[in-house]
PDB file of N, CA and C in Angstrom:
ATOM      1  N   MET A   1      46.520 -69.697-259.096  1.00  0.00           N
ATOM      2  CA  MET A   1      45.064 -69.654-258.993  1.00  0.00           C
ATOM      3  C   MET A   1      44.482 -70.092-260.331  1.00  0.00           C
ATOM      4  N   SER A   2      43.554 -71.021-260.291  1.00  0.00           N
ATOM      5  CA  SER A   2      42.956 -71.524-261.536  1.00  0.00           C
ATOM      6  C   SER A   2      41.931 -70.542-262.085  1.00  0.00           C
ATOM      7  N   ARG A   3      41.631 -70.688-263.340  1.00  0.00           N
ATOM      8  CA  ARG A   3      40.660 -69.816-264.021  1.00  0.00           C
ATOM      9  C   ARG A   3      39.303 -69.872-263.333  1.00  0.00           C
ATOM     10  N   GLN A   4      38.897 -71.060-262.896  1.00  0.00           N
ATOM     11  CA  GLN A   4      37.592 -71.211-262.255  1.00  0.00           C
ATOM     12  C   GLN A   4      37.503 -70.400-260.963  1.00  0.00           C
ATOM     13  N   GLN A   5      38.597 -70.280-260.234  1.00  0.00           N
ATOM     14  CA  GLN A   5      38.590 -69.503-258.997  1.00  0.00           C
ATOM     15  C   GLN A   5      38.491 -68.008-259.267  1.00  0.00           C
ATOM     16  N   ASP A   6      38.831 -67.576-260.470  1.00  0.00           N
ATOM     17  CA  ASP A   6      38.748 -66.166-260.822  1.00  0.00           C
ATOM     18  C   ASP A   6      37.321 -65.723-261.104  1.00  0.00           C
ATOM     19  N   VAL A   7      36.419 -66.656-261.332  1.00  0.00           N
ATOM     20  CA  VAL A   7      35.047 -66.339-261.730  1.00  0.00           C
ATOM     21  C   VAL A   7      34.134 -66.299-260.513  1.00  0.00           C
ATOM     22  N   VAL A   8      33.360 -65.232-260.403  1.00  0.00           N
ATOM     23  CA  VAL A   8      32.348 -65.113-259.356  1.00  0.00           C
ATOM     24  C   VAL A   8      31.006 -64.940-260.061  1.00  0.00           C
ATOM     25  N   GLN A   9      30.087 -65.831-259.785  1.00  0.00           N
ATOM     26  CA  GLN A   9      28.760 -65.697-260.374  1.00  0.00           C
ATOM     27  C   GLN A   9      27.985 -64.643-259.599  1.00  0.00           C
ATOM     28  N   VAL A  10      27.373 -63.730-260.338  1.00  0.00           N
ATOM     29  CA  VAL A  10      26.606 -62.645-259.731  1.00  0.00           C
ATOM     30  C   VAL A  10      25.131 -62.892-260.012  1.00  0.00           C
ATOM     31  N   ASP A  11      24.314 -62.815-258.961  1.00  0.00           N
ATOM     32  CA  ASP A  11      22.874 -62.977-259.133  1.00  0.00           C
ATOM     33  C   ASP A  11      22.335 -61.939-260.102  1.00  0.00           C
ATOM     34  N   ALA A  12      21.382 -62.323-260.924  1.00  0.00           N
ATOM     35  CA  ALA A  12      20.764 -61.405-261.878  1.00  0.00           C
ATOM     36  C   ALA A  12      20.154 -60.206-261.159  1.00  0.00           C
ATOM     37  N   TYR A  13      19.634 -60.399-259.953  1.00  0.00           N
ATOM     38  CA  TYR A  13      19.036 -59.317-259.178  1.00  0.00           C
ATOM     39  C   TYR A  13      20.023 -58.169-258.983  1.00  0.00           C
ATOM     40  N   VAL A  14      21.290 -58.506-258.725  1.00  0.00           N
ATOM     41  CA  VAL A  14      22.311 -57.480-258.488  1.00  0.00           C
ATOM     42  C   VAL A  14      22.475 -56.605-259.723  1.00  0.00           C
ATOM     43  N   LEU A  15      22.512 -57.230-260.889  1.00  0.00           N
ATOM     44  CA  LEU A  15      22.718 -56.473-262.125  1.00  0.00           C
ATOM     45  C   LEU A  15      21.441 -55.832-262.651  1.00  0.00           C
ATOM     46  N   ASP A  16      20.324 -56.504-262.514  1.00  0.00           N
ATOM     47  CA  ASP A  16      19.068 -56.006-263.093  1.00  0.00           C
ATOM     48  C   ASP A  16      18.332 -55.016-262.192  1.00  0.00           C
ATOM     49  N   VAL A  17      18.443 -55.188-260.875  1.00  0.00           N
ATOM     50  CA  VAL A  17      17.666 -54.351-259.961  1.00  0.00           C
ATOM     51  C   VAL A  17      18.561 -53.411-259.154  1.00  0.00           C
ATOM     52  N   LEU A  18      19.551 -53.959-258.446  1.00  0.00           N
ATOM     53  CA  LEU A  18      20.389 -53.111-257.590  1.00  0.00           C
ATOM     54  C   LEU A  18      21.165 -52.066-258.378  1.00  0.00           C
ATOM     55  N   LEU A  19      21.698 -52.444-259.515  1.00  0.00           N
ATOM     56  CA  LEU A  19      22.441 -51.482-260.329  1.00  0.00           C
ATOM     57  C   LEU A  19      21.568 -50.277-260.653  1.00  0.00           C
ATOM     58  N   ARG A  20      20.385 -50.539-261.167  1.00  0.00           N
ATOM     59  CA  ARG A  20      19.466 -49.460-261.540  1.00  0.00           C
ATOM     60  C   ARG A  20      19.002 -48.682-260.311  1.00  0.00           C
ATOM     61  N   ASP A  21      18.755 -49.396-259.221  1.00  0.00           N
ATOM     62  CA  ASP A  21      18.228 -48.768-258.009  1.00  0.00           C
ATOM     63  C   ASP A  21      19.264 -47.868-257.329  1.00  0.00           C
ATOM     64  N   LEU A  22      20.464 -48.391-257.101  1.00  0.00           N
ATOM     65  CA  LEU A  22      21.487 -47.624-256.390  1.00  0.00           C
ATOM     66  C   LEU A  22      22.113 -46.539-257.262  1.00  0.00           C
ATOM     67  N   VAL A  23      22.397 -46.864-258.512  1.00  0.00           N
ATOM     68  CA  VAL A  23      23.074 -45.900-259.378  1.00  0.00           C
ATOM     69  C   VAL A  23      22.080 -44.927-260.012  1.00  0.00           C
ATOM     70  N   GLY A  24      21.000 -45.453-260.574  1.00  0.00           N
ATOM     71  CA  GLY A  24      20.046 -44.612-261.281  1.00  0.00           C
ATOM     72  C   GLY A  24      19.106 -43.849-260.374  1.00  0.00           C
ATOM     73  N   HIS A  25      18.427 -44.563-259.488  1.00  0.00           N
ATOM     74  CA  HIS A  25      17.416 -43.936-258.633  1.00  0.00           C
ATOM     75  C   HIS A  25      18.033 -43.159-257.480  1.00  0.00           C
ATOM     76  N   ASP A  26      18.901 -43.809-256.704  1.00  0.00           N
ATOM     77  CA  ASP A  26      19.494 -43.169-255.521  1.00  0.00           C
ATOM     78  C   ASP A  26      20.677 -42.265-255.850  1.00  0.00           C
ATOM     79  N   LYS A  27      21.214 -42.378-257.064  1.00  0.00           N
ATOM     80  CA  LYS A  27      22.396 -41.592-257.474  1.00  0.00           C
ATOM     81  C   LYS A  27      23.583 -41.869-256.546  1.00  0.00           C
ATOM     82  N   ARG A  28      23.777 -43.144-256.208  1.00  0.00           N
ATOM     83  CA  ARG A  28      24.866 -43.556-255.321  1.00  0.00           C
ATOM     84  C   ARG A  28      25.691 -44.676-255.955  1.00  0.00           C
ATOM     85  N   PRO A  29      26.446 -44.372-257.011  1.00  0.00           N
ATOM     86  CA  PRO A  29      27.236 -45.431-257.655  1.00  0.00           C
ATOM     87  C   PRO A  29      28.281 -46.031-256.716  1.00  0.00           C
ATOM     88  N   ALA A  30      28.785 -45.251-255.759  1.00  0.00           N
ATOM     89  CA  ALA A  30      29.775 -45.785-254.820  1.00  0.00           C
ATOM     90  C   ALA A  30      29.169 -46.919-253.998  1.00  0.00           C
ATOM     91  N   ALA A  31      27.906 -46.817-253.638  1.00  0.00           N
ATOM     92  CA  ALA A  31      27.248 -47.882-252.862  1.00  0.00           C
ATOM     93  C   ALA A  31      27.192 -49.165-253.681  1.00  0.00           C
ATOM     94  N   PHE A  32      26.932 -49.043-254.975  1.00  0.00           N
ATOM     95  CA  PHE A  32      26.896 -50.233-255.820  1.00  0.00           C
ATOM     96  C   PHE A  32      28.291 -50.842-255.940  1.00  0.00           C
ATOM     97  N   LEU A  33      29.313 -50.015-256.120  1.00  0.00           N
ATOM     98  CA  LEU A  33      30.686 -50.528-256.222  1.00  0.00           C
ATOM     99  C   LEU A  33      31.116 -51.239-254.940  1.00  0.00           C
ATOM    100  N   VAL A  34      30.798 -50.653-253.814  1.00  0.00           N
ATOM    101  CA  VAL A  34      31.166 -51.266-252.531  1.00  0.00           C
ATOM    102  C   VAL A  34      30.423 -52.586-252.358  1.00  0.00           C
ATOM    103  N   TYR A  35      29.128 -52.601-252.690  1.00  0.00           N
ATOM    104  CA  TYR A  35      28.367 -53.849-252.569  1.00  0.00           C
ATOM    105  C   TYR A  35      28.955 -54.916-253.485  1.00  0.00           C
ATOM    106  N   LEU A  36      29.286 -54.534-254.712  1.00  0.00           N
ATOM    107  CA  LEU A  36      29.852 -55.494-255.659  1.00  0.00           C
ATOM    108  C   LEU A  36      31.186 -56.042-255.166  1.00  0.00           C
ATOM    109  N   TYR A  37      32.009 -55.175-254.585  1.00  0.00           N
ATOM    110  CA  TYR A  37      33.281 -55.623-254.017  1.00  0.00           C
ATOM    111  C   TYR A  37      33.045 -56.625-252.872  1.00  0.00           C
ATOM    112  N   LEU A  38      32.162 -56.258-251.930  1.00  0.00           N
ATOM    113  CA  LEU A  38      31.877 -57.148-250.795  1.00  0.00           C
ATOM    114  C   LEU A  38      31.221 -58.441-251.263  1.00  0.00           C
ATOM    115  N   TYR A  39      30.353 -58.351-252.255  1.00  0.00           N
ATOM    116  CA  TYR A  39      29.682 -59.530-252.818  1.00  0.00           C
ATOM    117  C   TYR A  39      30.723 -60.508-253.372  1.00  0.00           C
ATOM    118  N   GLY A  40      31.675 -59.987-254.141  1.00  0.00           N
ATOM    119  CA  GLY A  40      32.727 -60.831-254.703  1.00  0.00           C
ATOM    120  C   GLY A  40      33.589 -61.460-253.626  1.00  0.00           C
ATOM    121  N   ALA A  41      33.966 -60.669-252.635  1.00  0.00           N
ATOM    122  CA  ALA A  41      34.802 -61.189-251.543  1.00  0.00           C
ATOM    123  C   ALA A  41      34.045 -62.254-250.747  1.00  0.00           C
ATOM    124  N   ALA A  42      32.764 -62.021-250.497  1.00  0.00           N
ATOM    125  CA  ALA A  42      31.956 -62.995-249.754  1.00  0.00           C
ATOM    126  C   ALA A  42      31.758 -64.275-250.570  1.00  0.00           C
ATOM    127  N   ALA A  43      31.507 -64.137-251.847  1.00  0.00           N
ATOM    128  CA  ALA A  43      31.309 -65.314-252.699  1.00  0.00           C
ATOM    129  C   ALA A  43      32.569 -66.168-252.737  1.00  0.00           C
ATOM    130  N   ARG A  44      33.731 -65.524-252.820  1.00  0.00           N
ATOM    131  CA  ARG A  44      35.002 -66.269-252.841  1.00  0.00           C
ATOM    132  C   ARG A  44      35.258 -66.997-251.526  1.00  0.00           C
ATOM    133  N   SER A  45      34.698 -66.482-250.428  1.00  0.00           N
ATOM    134  CA  SER A  45      34.915 -67.117-249.118  1.00  0.00           C
ATOM    135  C   SER A  45      33.704 -67.957-248.695  1.00  0.00           C
ATOM    136  N   ARG A  46      32.916 -68.366-249.681  1.00  0.00           N
ATOM    137  CA  ARG A  46      31.728 -69.205-249.445  1.00  0.00           C
ATOM    138  C   ARG A  46      30.728 -68.531-248.521  1.00  0.00           C
ATOM    139  N   TRP A  47      30.549 -67.231-248.708  1.00  0.00           N
ATOM    140  CA  TRP A  47      29.545 -66.399-248.047  1.00  0.00           C
ATOM    141  C   TRP A  47      29.784 -66.213-246.557  1.00  0.00           C
ATOM    142  N   ARG A  48      31.056 -66.334-246.146  1.00  0.00           N
ATOM    143  CA  ARG A  48      31.396 -65.965-244.784  1.00  0.00           C
ATOM    144  C   ARG A  48      31.512 -64.434-244.714  1.00  0.00           C
ATOM    145  N   PRO A  49      31.390 -63.849-243.540  1.00  0.00           N
ATOM    146  CA  PRO A  49      31.559 -62.393-243.423  1.00  0.00           C
ATOM    147  C   PRO A  49      32.941 -61.949-243.902  1.00  0.00           C
ATOM    148  N   VAL A  50      32.996 -60.785-244.490  1.00  0.00           N
ATOM    149  CA  VAL A  50      34.232 -60.221-245.025  1.00  0.00           C
ATOM    150  C   VAL A  50      34.815 -59.271-243.978  1.00  0.00           C
ATOM    151  N   THR A  51      36.039 -59.525-243.569  1.00  0.00           N
ATOM    152  CA  THR A  51      36.714 -58.651-242.606  1.00  0.00           C
ATOM    153  C   THR A  51      37.464 -57.589-243.394  1.00  0.00           C
ATOM    154  N   ALA A  52      37.024 -56.349-243.244  1.00  0.00           N
ATOM    155  CA  ALA A  52      37.662 -55.261-243.990  1.00  0.00           C
ATOM    156  C   ALA A  52      37.335 -53.918-243.340  1.00  0.00           C
ATOM    157  N   SER A  53      38.354 -53.093-243.220  1.00  0.00           N
ATOM    158  CA  SER A  53      38.150 -51.733-242.715  1.00  0.00           C
ATOM    159  C   SER A  53      37.679 -50.851-243.870  1.00  0.00           C
ATOM    160  N   LEU A  54      37.274 -49.635-243.533  1.00  0.00           N
ATOM    161  CA  LEU A  54      36.899 -48.686-244.581  1.00  0.00           C
ATOM    162  C   LEU A  54      38.083 -48.436-245.513  1.00  0.00           C
ATOM    163  N   ARG A  55      39.281 -48.351-244.953  1.00  0.00           N
ATOM    164  CA  ARG A  55      40.487 -48.129-245.754  1.00  0.00           C
ATOM    165  C   ARG A  55      40.729 -49.305-246.695  1.00  0.00           C
ATOM    166  N   ASP A  56      40.542 -50.537-246.210  1.00  0.00           N
ATOM    167  CA  ASP A  56      40.717 -51.717-247.062  1.00  0.00           C
ATOM    168  C   ASP A  56      39.772 -51.664-248.269  1.00  0.00           C
ATOM    169  N   ILE A  57      38.526 -51.325-248.002  1.00  0.00           N
ATOM    170  CA  ILE A  57      37.521 -51.266-249.067  1.00  0.00           C
ATOM    171  C   ILE A  57      37.831 -50.117-250.020  1.00  0.00           C
ATOM    172  N   ALA A  58      38.248 -48.980-249.473  1.00  0.00           N
ATOM    173  CA  ALA A  58      38.609 -47.824-250.303  1.00  0.00           C
ATOM    174  C   ALA A  58      39.767 -48.177-251.234  1.00  0.00           C
ATOM    175  N   ASP A  59      40.783 -48.828-250.702  1.00  0.00           N
ATOM    176  CA  ASP A  59      41.936 -49.219-251.521  1.00  0.00           C
ATOM    177  C   ASP A  59      41.528 -50.208-252.612  1.00  0.00           C
ATOM    178  N   ALA A  60      40.648 -51.128-252.277  1.00  0.00           N
ATOM    179  CA  ALA A  60      40.242 -52.161-253.237  1.00  0.00           C
ATOM    180  C   ALA A  60      39.340 -51.622-254.344  1.00  0.00           C
ATOM    181  N   THR A  61      38.570 -50.580-254.044  1.00  0.00           N
ATOM    182  CA  THR A  61      37.604 -50.063-255.017  1.00  0.00           C
ATOM    183  C   THR A  61      38.071 -48.785-255.721  1.00  0.00           C
ATOM    184  N   GLY A  62      39.086 -48.129-255.179  1.00  0.00           N
ATOM    185  CA  GLY A  62      39.540 -46.867-255.748  1.00  0.00           C
ATOM    186  C   GLY A  62      38.723 -45.675-255.292  1.00  0.00           C
ATOM    187  N   LEU A  63      37.858 -45.881-254.324  1.00  0.00           N
ATOM    188  CA  LEU A  63      37.038 -44.796-253.785  1.00  0.00           C
ATOM    189  C   LEU A  63      37.746 -44.156-252.590  1.00  0.00           C
ATOM    190  N   SER A  64      37.293 -42.979-252.196  1.00  0.00           N
ATOM    191  CA  SER A  64      37.831 -42.357-250.989  1.00  0.00           C
ATOM    192  C   SER A  64      37.231 -43.048-249.763  1.00  0.00           C
ATOM    193  N   LYS A  65      37.897 -42.903-248.642  1.00  0.00           N
ATOM    194  CA  LYS A  65      37.409 -43.502-247.402  1.00  0.00           C
ATOM    195  C   LYS A  65      36.046 -42.924-247.024  1.00  0.00           C
ATOM    196  N   SER A  66      35.846 -41.624-247.221  1.00  0.00           N
ATOM    197  CA  SER A  66      34.555 -41.013-246.879  1.00  0.00           C
ATOM    198  C   SER A  66      33.446 -41.507-247.816  1.00  0.00           C
ATOM    199  N   ALA A  67      33.776 -41.740-249.084  1.00  0.00           N
ATOM    200  CA  ALA A  67      32.777 -42.282-250.018  1.00  0.00           C
ATOM    201  C   ALA A  67      32.376 -43.697-249.608  1.00  0.00           C
ATOM    202  N   VAL A  68      33.349 -44.480-249.147  1.00  0.00           N
ATOM    203  CA  VAL A  68      33.058 -45.841-248.680  1.00  0.00           C
ATOM    204  C   VAL A  68      32.205 -45.784-247.417  1.00  0.00           C
ATOM    205  N   GLU A  69      32.517 -44.873-246.518  1.00  0.00           N
ATOM    206  CA  GLU A  69      31.745 -44.732-245.278  1.00  0.00           C
ATOM    207  C   GLU A  69      30.286 -44.397-245.592  1.00  0.00           C
ATOM    208  N   THR A  70      30.058 -43.459-246.507  1.00  0.00           N
ATOM    209  CA  THR A  70      28.697 -43.101-246.918  1.00  0.00           C
ATOM    210  C   THR A  70      28.009 -44.276-247.589  1.00  0.00           C
ATOM    211  N   ALA A  71      28.735 -44.975-248.441  1.00  0.00           N
ATOM    212  CA  ALA A  71      28.179 -46.142-249.141  1.00  0.00           C
ATOM    213  C   ALA A  71      27.768 -47.228-248.143  1.00  0.00           C
ATOM    214  N   MET A  72      28.595 -47.462-247.135  1.00  0.00           N
ATOM    215  CA  MET A  72      28.279 -48.490-246.133  1.00  0.00           C
ATOM    216  C   MET A  72      27.025 -48.115-245.346  1.00  0.00           C
ATOM    217  N   LYS A  73      26.856 -46.838-245.043  1.00  0.00           N
ATOM    218  CA  LYS A  73      25.643 -46.397-244.343  1.00  0.00           C
ATOM    219  C   LYS A  73      24.408 -46.701-245.194  1.00  0.00           C
ATOM    220  N   ILE A  74      24.502 -46.435-246.478  1.00  0.00           N
ATOM    221  CA  ILE A  74      23.383 -46.704-247.397  1.00  0.00           C
ATOM    222  C   ILE A  74      23.112 -48.200-247.466  1.00  0.00           C
ATOM    223  N   LEU A  75      24.153 -49.005-247.606  1.00  0.00           N
ATOM    224  CA  LEU A  75      23.981 -50.461-247.711  1.00  0.00           C
ATOM    225  C   LEU A  75      23.396 -51.049-246.432  1.00  0.00           C
ATOM    226  N   ARG A  76      23.818 -50.538-245.288  1.00  0.00           N
ATOM    227  CA  ARG A  76      23.244 -51.026-244.020  1.00  0.00           C
ATOM    228  C   ARG A  76      21.791 -50.589-243.884  1.00  0.00           C
ATOM    229  N   ARG A  77      21.499 -49.342-244.237  1.00  0.00           N
ATOM    230  CA  ARG A  77      20.123 -48.852-244.161  1.00  0.00           C
ATOM    231  C   ARG A  77      19.185 -49.640-245.078  1.00  0.00           C
ATOM    232  N   ARG A  78      19.685 -50.072-246.221  1.00  0.00           N
ATOM    233  CA  ARG A  78      18.872 -50.824-247.184  1.00  0.00           C
ATOM    234  C   ARG A  78      18.919 -52.329-246.909  1.00  0.00           C
ATOM    235  N   HIS A  79      19.543 -52.724-245.813  1.00  0.00           N
ATOM    236  CA  HIS A  79      19.623 -54.131-245.399  1.00  0.00           C
ATOM    237  C   HIS A  79      20.290 -54.996-246.467  1.00  0.00           C
ATOM    238  N   LEU A  80      21.369 -54.467-247.041  1.00  0.00           N
ATOM    239  CA  LEU A  80      22.163 -55.222-248.007  1.00  0.00           C
ATOM    240  C   LEU A  80      23.458 -55.724-247.384  1.00  0.00           C
ATOM    241  N   VAL A  81      23.854 -55.095-246.280  1.00  0.00           N
ATOM    242  CA  VAL A  81      25.058 -55.484-245.550  1.00  0.00           C
ATOM    243  C   VAL A  81      24.784 -55.328-244.060  1.00  0.00           C
ATOM    244  N   ARG A  82      25.265 -56.282-243.273  1.00  0.00           N
ATOM    245  CA  ARG A  82      25.210 -56.179-241.814  1.00  0.00           C
ATOM    246  C   ARG A  82      26.649 -56.165-241.312  1.00  0.00           C
ATOM    247  N   THR A  83      26.986 -55.190-240.475  1.00  0.00           N
ATOM    248  CA  THR A  83      28.356 -55.015-240.001  1.00  0.00           C
ATOM    249  C   THR A  83      28.423 -55.218-238.495  1.00  0.00           C
ATOM    250  N   LYS A  84      29.445 -55.971-238.076  1.00  0.00           N
ATOM    251  CA  LYS A  84      29.698 -56.186-236.648  1.00  0.00           C
ATOM    252  C   LYS A  84      31.192 -56.052-236.390  1.00  0.00           C
ATOM    253  N   ALA A  85      31.511 -55.596-235.201  1.00  0.00           N
ATOM    254  CA  ALA A  85      32.909 -55.561-234.756  1.00  0.00           C
ATOM    255  C   ALA A  85      32.937 -56.059-233.317  1.00  0.00           C
ATOM    256  N   SER A  86      33.948 -56.840-232.978  1.00  0.00           N
ATOM    257  CA  SER A  86      34.008 -57.402-231.633  1.00  0.00           C
ATOM    258  C   SER A  86      34.336 -56.341-230.590  1.00  0.00           C
ATOM    259  N   PHE A  87      35.044 -55.308-230.977  1.00  0.00           N
ATOM    260  CA  PHE A  87      35.256 -54.152-230.118  1.00  0.00           C
ATOM    261  C   PHE A  87      35.485 -52.938-231.008  1.00  0.00           C
ATOM    262  N   ARG A  88      35.467 -51.771-230.427  1.00  0.00           N
ATOM    263  CA  ARG A  88      35.402 -50.528-231.185  1.00  0.00           C
ATOM    264  C   ARG A  88      36.523 -50.342-232.212  1.00  0.00           C
ATOM    265  N   THR A  89      37.734 -50.753-231.881  1.00  0.00           N
ATOM    266  CA  THR A  89      38.855 -50.549-232.793  1.00  0.00           C
ATOM    267  C   THR A  89      39.161 -51.781-233.652  1.00  0.00           C
ATOM    268  N   ALA A  90      38.351 -52.820-233.527  1.00  0.00           N
ATOM    269  CA  ALA A  90      38.563 -54.032-234.327  1.00  0.00           C
ATOM    270  C   ALA A  90      38.154 -53.793-235.773  1.00  0.00           C
ATOM    271  N   ARG A  91      38.768 -54.545-236.689  1.00  0.00           N
ATOM    272  CA  ARG A  91      38.348 -54.480-238.092  1.00  0.00           C
ATOM    273  C   ARG A  91      36.965 -55.098-238.195  1.00  0.00           C
ATOM    274  N   PRO A  92      36.021 -54.391-238.772  1.00  0.00           N
ATOM    275  CA  PRO A  92      34.649 -54.897-238.841  1.00  0.00           C
ATOM    276  C   PRO A  92      34.499 -56.087-239.782  1.00  0.00           C
ATOM    277  N   ARG A  93      33.471 -56.888-239.493  1.00  0.00           N
ATOM    278  CA  ARG A  93      33.118 -58.030-240.335  1.00  0.00           C
ATOM    279  C   ARG A  93      31.787 -57.697-240.997  1.00  0.00           C
ATOM    280  N   HIS A  94      31.768 -57.741-242.313  1.00  0.00           N
ATOM    281  CA  HIS A  94      30.593 -57.359-243.088  1.00  0.00           C
ATOM    282  C   HIS A  94      29.952 -58.610-243.684  1.00  0.00           C
ATOM    283  N   ARG A  95      28.704 -58.845-243.324  1.00  0.00           N
ATOM    284  CA  ARG A  95      27.958 -59.963-243.914  1.00  0.00           C
ATOM    285  C   ARG A  95      27.119 -59.407-245.057  1.00  0.00           C
ATOM    286  N   VAL A  96      27.320 -59.970-246.241  1.00  0.00           N
ATOM    287  CA  VAL A  96      26.560 -59.563-247.423  1.00  0.00           C
ATOM    288  C   VAL A  96      25.211 -60.263-247.365  1.00  0.00           C
ATOM    289  N   LEU A  97      24.150 -59.480-247.384  1.00  0.00           N
ATOM    290  CA  LEU A  97      22.791 -60.031-247.324  1.00  0.00           C
ATOM    291  C   LEU A  97      22.196 -60.100-248.731  1.00  0.00           C
ATOM    292  N   ARG A  98      21.502 -61.176-248.994  1.00  0.00           N
ATOM    293  CA  ARG A  98      20.864 -61.368-250.302  1.00  0.00           C
ATOM    294  C   ARG A  98      19.401 -61.737-250.053  1.00  0.00           C
ATOM    295  N   HIS A  99      18.621 -60.752-249.656  1.00  0.00           N
ATOM    296  CA  HIS A  99      17.222 -60.990-249.271  1.00  0.00           C
ATOM    297  C   HIS A  99      16.386 -61.566-250.404  1.00  0.00           C
ATOM    298  N   TRP A 100      16.749 -61.319-251.647  1.00  0.00           N
ATOM    299  CA  TRP A 100      15.981 -61.851-252.775  1.00  0.00           C
ATOM    300  C   TRP A 100      16.126 -63.364-252.884  1.00  0.00           C
ATOM    301  N   ARG A 101      17.137 -63.948-252.271  1.00  0.00           N
ATOM    302  CA  ARG A 101      17.314 -65.398-252.297  1.00  0.00           C
ATOM    303  C   ARG A 101      16.444 -66.096-251.241  1.00  0.00           C
ATOM    304  N   ASP A 102      15.985 -65.365-250.257  1.00  0.00           N
ATOM    305  CA  ASP A 102      15.182 -65.954-249.189  1.00  0.00           C
ATOM    306  C   ASP A 102      13.727 -66.144-249.590  1.00  0.00           C
ATOM    307  N   ARG A 103      13.339 -65.561-250.692  1.00  0.00           N
ATOM    308  CA  ARG A 103      11.950 -65.624-251.113  1.00  0.00           C
ATOM    309  C   ARG A 103      11.603 -66.925-251.750  1.00  0.00           C
TER     310      ARG A 103
END
């Protein structure tokens, strides 16, 4: 893997606004970590949905599965992530939303 593939550019909004909002205001640092993980995975796949279970995300971030589940609820409620599964036991596909780019 080349050095360039290791780099993911992060929008200033994520660092300047979401970090302060999720960690400082909402007191939910796990939600920020999960969003950052999904953001990186989506950016590497050219913004296609990320297929990952709660366990996959927990393993990748070092968080517990229940912390990831709570974080995902917060991210969906805040319209930062949209999750779909083709059937109940399928691994969900998470689309990272960047509403600040639509403006």
